Amino acid sequence: MEKQFVSRRLRPDLVGVEAYSTPASEAAVVRLASNESPFPPSPGFERDLVAELRALSLNRYPDGASMRLRRALAERHGVEPEFVWVANGSNEILQQTLLAFGGAGRRIVTFAPTYAMYGRIAAVTATQVEVVPLDPPFAILEEHAGRAAAANPDLVVVCSPNNPTGNAQTPVAAAALAAATGALVVADEAYAEFSGSTTLAGGAPPRDVMVVRTLSKAFGMAGARVGYCVADPGIVEGLRRVALPYHLSGPAQASAIVALRRADEVDGRVAAIVAERDRLARAMAAISGTRVLPSSANFVAFRPPGGARAAWCGLRERGLLVRDVSDVLPGHLRVTAGTPAEGDRFIEALEEVLA
């Protein structure tokens, strides 16, 4: 009855779109499903954040333009502040992008398999989706760029490193797609710090390319929900036109400013996560029948023998939560690189499940 009540009032094109959900984690002892950093903020970060929060007047709205944060990000990437925009995680940047440059009568090209939120945000913004499938090792080649151009898109999104496969595209892939299609190309680089490959290596990206980043992964700031993009000021102005007033809270801005101030702490943590990622990949590859995909991110996708769902349930029964990504990558699970102790627990449990 409740669904019928909602369906009568919902936009017809959203009737088949389910609410986004994440696997429940209350019963999990080891959480390796959401690609979070296993490292909590340092004591120095916490001390600096307390000082920043004390300076806030929570009875007042935050800076709606987030200028302190945008200046800090601009300095990090060697651009001017007008090239930077910030939001509640990189997903809000993506949503603002489709609100401003997508919508009814417009088309976005995605490359499958990839991050499921692209299709969801396209549905919510009534943007038509054209999917170009990729075969292993999931590199975007000239033929794929040609298929993207044939779709006559307004937007093209490239995830690099890609979620859930883990592979990175070449640093020039986004610019090549922009040239081939004439579209605005969104380079989603949420995991770029783990790969060392980025469209931002030379400062500002090409005019028809916007690079989207997050502080949730390498910076370990998932709870603060801060994402940003680096793009031509005209693109940034388009995003500002669809942003809600005061959309990024004062505490979130303060958290990000402190994190960027202490960015030198990130490199060591990234190196530790990359080492653990590679160790997990080697250990899983040694388990008979398990297929492991090479990864440049902070996670590893793998195909266990006997089916993804059976392995997922077996791990969950042992207190480990990984991500079932078989809806976009059939037969595969995805495990986040956590601490070595968490990795040991995972490998031990996986061996038991697959025995």
Protein backbone atom coordinates (compact mmCIF):
# COMPACT_ATOMS: atom_id res chain seq x y z
CA MET A 1 0.00 0.00 0.00
CA GLU A 2 2.83 2.43 0.88
CA LYS A 3 4.57 1.83 -2.44
CA GLN A 4 1.32 2.42 -4.32
CA PHE A 5 0.81 5.66 -2.41
CA VAL A 6 4.29 6.88 -3.35
CA SER A 7 4.09 5.70 -6.95
CA ARG A 8 0.97 7.78 -7.60
CA ARG A 9 2.87 10.96 -6.77
CA LEU A 10 6.40 10.13 -7.90
CA ARG A 11 7.81 11.23 -11.23
CA PRO A 12 7.01 8.35 -13.60
CA ASP A 13 10.65 7.93 -14.64
CA LEU A 14 11.67 7.38 -10.98
CA VAL A 15 9.16 4.62 -10.20
CA GLY A 16 11.72 1.89 -10.95
CA VAL A 17 14.62 3.63 -9.15
CA GLU A 18 15.27 2.17 -5.73
CA ALA A 19 16.72 4.24 -2.87
CA TYR A 20 20.50 3.96 -2.61
CA SER A 21 21.54 1.71 0.24
CA THR A 22 24.77 0.40 1.72
CA PRO A 23 25.24 -2.99 3.39
CA ALA A 24 24.46 -2.90 7.11
CA SER A 25 27.67 -2.87 9.14
CA GLU A 26 26.47 -3.16 12.74
CA ALA A 27 27.29 -6.87 13.00
CA ALA A 28 30.61 -6.62 11.17
CA VAL A 29 33.82 -6.76 13.18
CA VAL A 30 35.98 -5.87 10.16
CA ARG A 31 34.50 -3.32 7.71
CA LEU A 32 36.17 -3.56 4.31
CA ALA A 33 33.23 -2.63 2.08
CA SER A 34 33.23 1.15 1.59
CA ASN A 35 36.81 2.01 0.57
CA GLU A 36 37.35 4.08 3.69
CA SER A 37 40.79 4.79 5.11
CA PRO A 38 41.63 2.50 8.04
CA PHE A 39 43.55 5.32 9.73
CA PRO A 40 41.81 7.77 12.08
CA PRO A 41 42.92 11.40 12.20
CA SER A 42 46.19 12.09 13.99
CA PRO A 43 46.27 13.71 17.46
CA GLY A 44 47.70 16.81 15.82
CA PHE A 45 44.76 16.96 13.41
CA GLU A 46 42.28 16.66 16.25
CA ARG A 47 43.99 19.44 18.19
CA ASP A 48 43.99 21.78 15.18
CA LEU A 49 40.38 20.94 14.36
CA VAL A 50 39.23 21.78 17.87
CA ALA A 51 40.83 25.21 17.51
CA GLU A 52 39.09 25.74 14.15
CA LEU A 53 35.72 24.65 15.51
CA ARG A 54 36.00 26.98 18.49
CA ALA A 55 36.39 29.88 16.08
CA LEU A 56 33.08 29.06 14.38
CA SER A 57 29.85 30.80 15.22
CA LEU A 58 27.34 28.01 14.73
CA ASN A 59 24.46 30.44 15.08
CA ARG A 60 25.65 31.99 11.79
CA TYR A 61 25.61 30.45 8.32
CA PRO A 62 28.97 29.33 6.94
CA ASP A 63 30.73 31.03 4.05
CA GLY A 64 28.48 30.11 1.13
CA ALA A 65 31.34 30.40 -1.36
CA SER A 66 33.76 28.36 0.84
CA MET A 67 36.58 30.70 -0.12
CA ARG A 68 39.12 29.66 2.54
CA LEU A 69 38.76 26.04 1.53
CA ARG A 70 38.84 26.80 -2.19
CA ARG A 71 42.01 28.85 -1.75
CA ALA A 72 43.64 25.97 0.13
CA LEU A 73 42.69 23.49 -2.60
CA ALA A 74 43.78 25.90 -5.32
CA GLU A 75 47.20 26.22 -3.70
CA ARG A 76 47.50 22.42 -3.52
CA HIS A 77 46.84 22.04 -7.24
CA GLY A 78 48.61 25.15 -8.51
CA VAL A 79 45.53 26.94 -9.84
CA GLU A 80 43.52 30.04 -8.98
CA PRO A 81 40.55 29.69 -6.55
CA GLU A 82 38.00 30.35 -9.31
CA PHE A 83 39.02 26.99 -10.83
CA VAL A 84 37.85 25.13 -7.69
CA TRP A 85 34.40 24.23 -6.37
CA VAL A 86 33.51 22.22 -3.25
CA ALA A 87 30.50 20.23 -2.09
CA ASN A 88 29.22 17.47 0.20
CA GLY A 89 31.44 14.70 -1.13
CA SER A 90 32.28 14.10 -4.77
CA ASN A 91 28.79 12.67 -5.34
CA GLU A 92 27.26 16.11 -4.84
CA ILE A 93 29.73 17.54 -7.34
CA LEU A 94 28.55 14.89 -9.81
CA GLN A 95 24.91 15.67 -9.08
CA GLN A 96 25.47 19.40 -9.53
CA THR A 97 27.24 18.65 -12.82
CA LEU A 98 24.27 16.75 -14.21
CA LEU A 99 21.85 19.36 -12.90
CA ALA A 100 23.79 22.11 -14.65
CA PHE A 101 24.96 20.41 -17.83
CA GLY A 102 22.68 17.35 -18.16
CA GLY A 103 18.92 17.02 -17.73
CA ALA A 104 15.99 16.24 -19.99
CA GLY A 105 16.96 15.95 -23.64
CA ARG A 106 20.66 15.61 -22.85
CA ARG A 107 22.90 12.56 -22.84
CA ILE A 108 25.81 11.26 -20.77
CA VAL A 109 28.18 8.47 -21.83
CA THR A 110 29.58 6.08 -19.22
CA PHE A 111 31.99 3.18 -19.64
CA ALA A 112 30.89 -0.10 -18.06
CA PRO A 113 31.60 -1.62 -15.64
CA THR A 114 31.92 1.45 -13.45
CA TYR A 115 30.55 3.33 -10.45
CA ALA A 116 26.81 2.71 -10.15
CA MET A 117 26.06 6.25 -8.91
CA TYR A 118 26.58 7.70 -12.40
CA GLY A 119 23.47 5.94 -13.64
CA ARG A 120 21.52 6.79 -10.49
CA ILE A 121 22.33 10.49 -10.66
CA ALA A 122 21.50 10.50 -14.36
CA ALA A 123 18.09 8.98 -13.57
CA VAL A 124 17.38 11.53 -10.84
CA THR A 125 18.29 14.41 -13.16
CA ALA A 126 16.40 12.91 -16.15
CA THR A 127 19.62 12.65 -18.16
CA GLN A 128 19.73 9.94 -20.83
CA VAL A 129 22.56 7.40 -20.41
CA GLU A 130 24.54 5.74 -23.19
CA VAL A 131 26.74 2.90 -21.94
CA VAL A 132 29.93 1.88 -23.77
CA PRO A 133 31.03 -1.55 -22.51
CA LEU A 134 34.70 -2.31 -21.88
CA ASP A 135 36.42 -5.68 -21.87
CA PRO A 136 39.27 -6.63 -19.50
CA PRO A 137 41.62 -4.95 -18.74
CA PHE A 138 38.97 -2.19 -19.07
CA ALA A 139 41.15 0.40 -20.81
CA ILE A 140 39.39 3.09 -22.87
CA LEU A 141 40.77 2.73 -26.39
CA GLU A 142 40.29 4.71 -29.60
CA GLU A 143 37.42 2.44 -30.65
CA HIS A 144 35.60 3.20 -27.38
CA ALA A 145 36.12 6.93 -27.88
CA GLY A 146 34.58 6.51 -31.33
CA ARG A 147 31.51 4.79 -29.89
CA ALA A 148 31.21 7.57 -27.31
CA ALA A 149 31.39 10.22 -30.03
CA ALA A 150 28.74 8.40 -32.08
CA ALA A 151 26.30 8.84 -29.18
CA ASN A 152 26.58 12.64 -29.58
CA PRO A 153 26.87 13.16 -25.80
CA ASP A 154 26.71 16.35 -23.78
CA LEU A 155 28.71 14.72 -20.98
CA VAL A 156 31.19 11.85 -20.69
CA VAL A 157 32.34 10.47 -17.35
CA VAL A 158 35.59 8.57 -16.83
CA CYS A 159 36.39 6.96 -13.48
CA SER A 160 40.14 6.59 -12.96
CA PRO A 161 41.09 4.53 -11.05
CA ASN A 162 37.83 2.85 -11.87
CA ASN A 163 35.40 1.59 -9.25
CA PRO A 164 35.00 -1.39 -8.97
CA THR A 165 37.66 -2.76 -11.36
CA GLY A 166 40.54 -0.71 -9.89
CA ASN A 167 42.35 0.07 -13.15
CA ALA A 168 43.55 3.57 -14.02
CA GLN A 169 43.18 5.15 -17.44
CA THR A 170 46.05 7.06 -19.05
CA PRO A 171 46.44 10.68 -17.85
CA VAL A 172 45.53 11.93 -21.35
CA ALA A 173 42.35 9.83 -21.65
CA ALA A 174 39.99 12.59 -20.52
CA ALA A 175 41.46 15.18 -22.89
CA ALA A 176 41.36 12.69 -25.77
CA LEU A 177 37.68 11.96 -25.08
CA ALA A 178 36.88 15.68 -24.96
CA ALA A 179 38.54 16.14 -28.35
CA ALA A 180 36.78 13.11 -29.84
CA THR A 181 33.29 13.87 -28.55
CA GLY A 182 33.11 17.64 -28.11
CA ALA A 183 31.45 16.94 -24.75
CA LEU A 184 32.26 18.04 -21.23
CA VAL A 185 34.35 15.20 -19.82
CA VAL A 186 34.17 14.48 -16.09
CA ALA A 187 37.30 12.76 -14.82
CA ASP A 188 36.29 11.16 -11.52
CA GLU A 189 39.58 10.77 -9.63
CA ALA A 190 38.33 9.79 -6.18
CA TYR A 191 41.19 7.26 -5.86
CA ALA A 192 43.92 9.12 -7.76
CA GLU A 193 46.26 9.45 -4.75
CA PHE A 194 46.67 5.66 -4.69
CA SER A 195 47.64 5.45 -8.37
CA GLY A 196 49.88 8.46 -8.99
CA SER A 197 48.08 8.99 -12.30
CA THR A 198 46.07 12.18 -12.69
CA THR A 199 44.73 14.64 -15.23
CA LEU A 200 45.87 17.41 -12.86
CA ALA A 201 49.61 16.73 -13.21
CA GLY A 202 50.10 19.96 -15.16
CA GLY A 203 47.83 22.19 -13.07
CA ALA A 204 44.45 23.19 -14.49
CA PRO A 205 42.85 20.57 -16.76
CA PRO A 206 41.87 21.28 -20.39
CA ARG A 207 38.90 23.62 -20.75
CA ASP A 208 36.41 20.84 -21.59
CA VAL A 209 37.56 18.58 -18.73
CA MET A 210 36.61 18.80 -15.08
CA VAL A 211 38.46 16.72 -12.50
CA VAL A 212 36.51 15.53 -9.47
CA ARG A 213 38.27 14.61 -6.23
CA THR A 214 37.35 13.75 -2.64
CA LEU A 215 38.88 13.96 0.81
CA SER A 216 37.02 10.79 1.85
CA LYS A 217 39.61 8.26 0.67
CA ALA A 218 43.31 9.12 0.87
CA PHE A 219 42.74 11.90 3.41
CA GLY A 220 40.61 9.64 5.63
CA MET A 221 37.81 12.22 5.88
CA ALA A 222 34.79 10.12 4.87
CA GLY A 223 32.79 11.33 7.88
CA ALA A 224 33.29 14.99 6.94
CA ARG A 225 31.81 14.57 3.44
CA VAL A 226 33.94 16.98 1.41
CA GLY A 227 34.48 16.67 -2.32
CA TYR A 228 35.68 19.15 -4.91
CA CYS A 229 36.43 19.69 -8.56
CA VAL A 230 39.06 21.55 -10.55
CA ALA A 231 37.67 22.97 -13.77
CA ASP A 232 37.42 26.02 -16.01
CA PRO A 233 35.83 28.95 -14.12
CA GLY A 234 32.88 28.88 -16.54
CA ILE A 235 32.12 25.30 -15.49
CA VAL A 236 32.48 26.25 -11.84
CA GLU A 237 30.00 29.07 -12.37
CA GLY A 238 27.55 26.57 -13.84
CA LEU A 239 27.83 24.41 -10.72
CA ARG A 240 27.28 27.41 -8.46
CA ARG A 241 24.00 28.16 -10.24
CA VAL A 242 22.48 24.84 -9.12
CA ALA A 243 24.07 24.60 -5.65
CA LEU A 244 21.84 25.01 -2.62
CA PRO A 245 22.56 27.98 -0.31
CA TYR A 246 25.25 27.26 2.29
CA HIS A 247 25.46 23.69 1.03
CA LEU A 248 28.77 22.86 2.78
CA SER A 249 28.64 23.22 6.56
CA GLY A 250 31.09 25.23 8.63
CA PRO A 251 32.45 22.14 10.49
CA ALA A 252 32.97 20.32 7.17
CA GLN A 253 34.87 23.28 5.74
CA ALA A 254 36.96 23.53 8.90
CA SER A 255 37.78 19.80 8.82
CA ALA A 256 38.93 20.01 5.21
CA ILE A 257 41.06 23.10 5.82
CA VAL A 258 42.85 21.36 8.69
CA ALA A 259 43.32 18.18 6.63
CA LEU A 260 44.91 20.14 3.79
CA ARG A 261 47.12 21.99 6.25
CA ARG A 262 48.43 18.61 7.42
CA ALA A 263 48.57 17.03 3.95
CA ASP A 264 52.13 15.84 4.53
CA GLU A 265 50.66 13.17 6.82
CA VAL A 266 48.76 11.64 3.90
CA ASP A 267 51.71 10.32 1.88
CA GLY A 268 52.82 7.80 4.50
CA ARG A 269 49.28 6.54 4.98
CA VAL A 270 48.76 6.17 1.24
CA ALA A 271 51.99 4.17 0.97
CA ALA A 272 50.84 1.86 3.77
CA ILE A 273 47.44 1.35 2.14
CA VAL A 274 49.01 0.61 -1.26
CA ALA A 275 51.35 -1.94 0.33
CA GLU A 276 48.39 -3.62 2.04
CA ARG A 277 46.38 -3.58 -1.18
CA ASP A 278 49.17 -5.38 -3.02
CA ARG A 279 49.61 -7.87 -0.18
CA LEU A 280 45.89 -8.71 -0.26
CA ALA A 281 46.02 -9.17 -4.02
CA ARG A 282 48.94 -11.60 -3.78
CA ALA A 283 47.31 -13.56 -0.97
CA MET A 284 43.99 -13.88 -2.81
CA ALA A 285 45.70 -14.86 -6.06
CA ALA A 286 47.32 -17.75 -4.18
CA ILE A 287 43.89 -19.19 -3.30
CA SER A 288 42.98 -21.77 -5.92
CA GLY A 289 40.26 -20.68 -8.32
CA THR A 290 40.22 -17.02 -7.25
CA ARG A 291 40.59 -14.39 -9.98
CA VAL A 292 42.09 -11.07 -8.83
CA LEU A 293 41.94 -7.86 -10.88
CA PRO A 294 45.01 -5.57 -10.86
CA SER A 295 44.25 -2.42 -8.88
CA SER A 296 45.58 1.13 -8.71
CA ALA A 297 43.06 2.15 -6.02
CA ASN A 298 42.67 1.33 -2.30
CA PHE A 299 40.62 -1.79 -2.99
CA VAL A 300 40.83 -5.05 -4.91
CA ALA A 301 38.07 -6.69 -6.95
CA PHE A 302 38.13 -10.48 -7.06
CA ARG A 303 36.00 -13.35 -8.34
CA PRO A 304 35.79 -16.21 -5.84
CA PRO A 305 35.02 -19.73 -7.02
CA GLY A 306 31.55 -20.92 -6.17
CA GLY A 307 29.83 -17.56 -6.62
CA ALA A 308 30.09 -14.06 -5.20
CA ARG A 309 26.98 -14.20 -3.00
CA ALA A 310 27.97 -17.43 -1.27
CA ALA A 311 31.43 -16.02 -0.48
CA TRP A 312 29.95 -12.71 0.69
CA CYS A 313 27.59 -14.49 3.07
CA GLY A 314 30.36 -16.73 4.37
CA LEU A 315 32.56 -13.73 5.12
CA ARG A 316 29.67 -11.90 6.77
CA GLU A 317 29.02 -14.88 9.04
CA ARG A 318 32.63 -14.55 10.19
CA GLY A 319 32.26 -10.84 10.97
CA LEU A 320 33.80 -9.43 7.78
CA LEU A 321 31.95 -7.02 5.50
CA VAL A 322 33.10 -6.65 1.90
CA ARG A 323 31.17 -5.27 -1.09
CA ASP A 324 29.23 -7.44 -3.49
CA VAL A 325 29.72 -5.68 -6.84
CA SER A 326 28.28 -8.46 -8.98
CA ASP A 327 25.49 -6.13 -10.15
CA VAL A 328 28.05 -4.22 -12.24
CA LEU A 329 30.92 -6.77 -12.37
CA PRO A 330 29.30 -10.22 -12.46
CA GLY A 331 30.64 -12.76 -10.00
CA HIS A 332 32.96 -10.32 -8.22
CA LEU A 333 33.42 -8.97 -4.71
CA ARG A 334 35.44 -5.90 -3.72
CA VAL A 335 37.59 -5.67 -0.61
CA THR A 336 39.05 -2.45 0.81
CA ALA A 337 42.67 -2.38 1.90
CA GLY A 338 42.51 -1.89 5.67
CA THR A 339 45.12 -2.46 8.36
CA PRO A 340 47.43 -5.50 8.16
CA ALA A 341 45.54 -7.05 11.09
CA GLU A 342 42.23 -6.60 9.24
CA GLY A 343 43.82 -8.04 6.12
CA ASP A 344 44.99 -11.10 8.03
CA ARG A 345 41.46 -11.65 9.35
CA PHE A 346 40.06 -11.31 5.86
CA ILE A 347 42.47 -13.74 4.19
CA GLU A 348 41.99 -16.30 6.95
CA ALA A 349 38.20 -16.04 6.65
CA LEU A 350 38.27 -16.17 2.84
CA GLU A 351 40.37 -19.33 2.92
CA GLU A 352 37.86 -20.89 5.30
CA VAL A 353 34.89 -19.87 3.15
CA LEU A 354 36.46 -21.19 -0.06
CA ALA A 355 37.87 -24.38 1.43
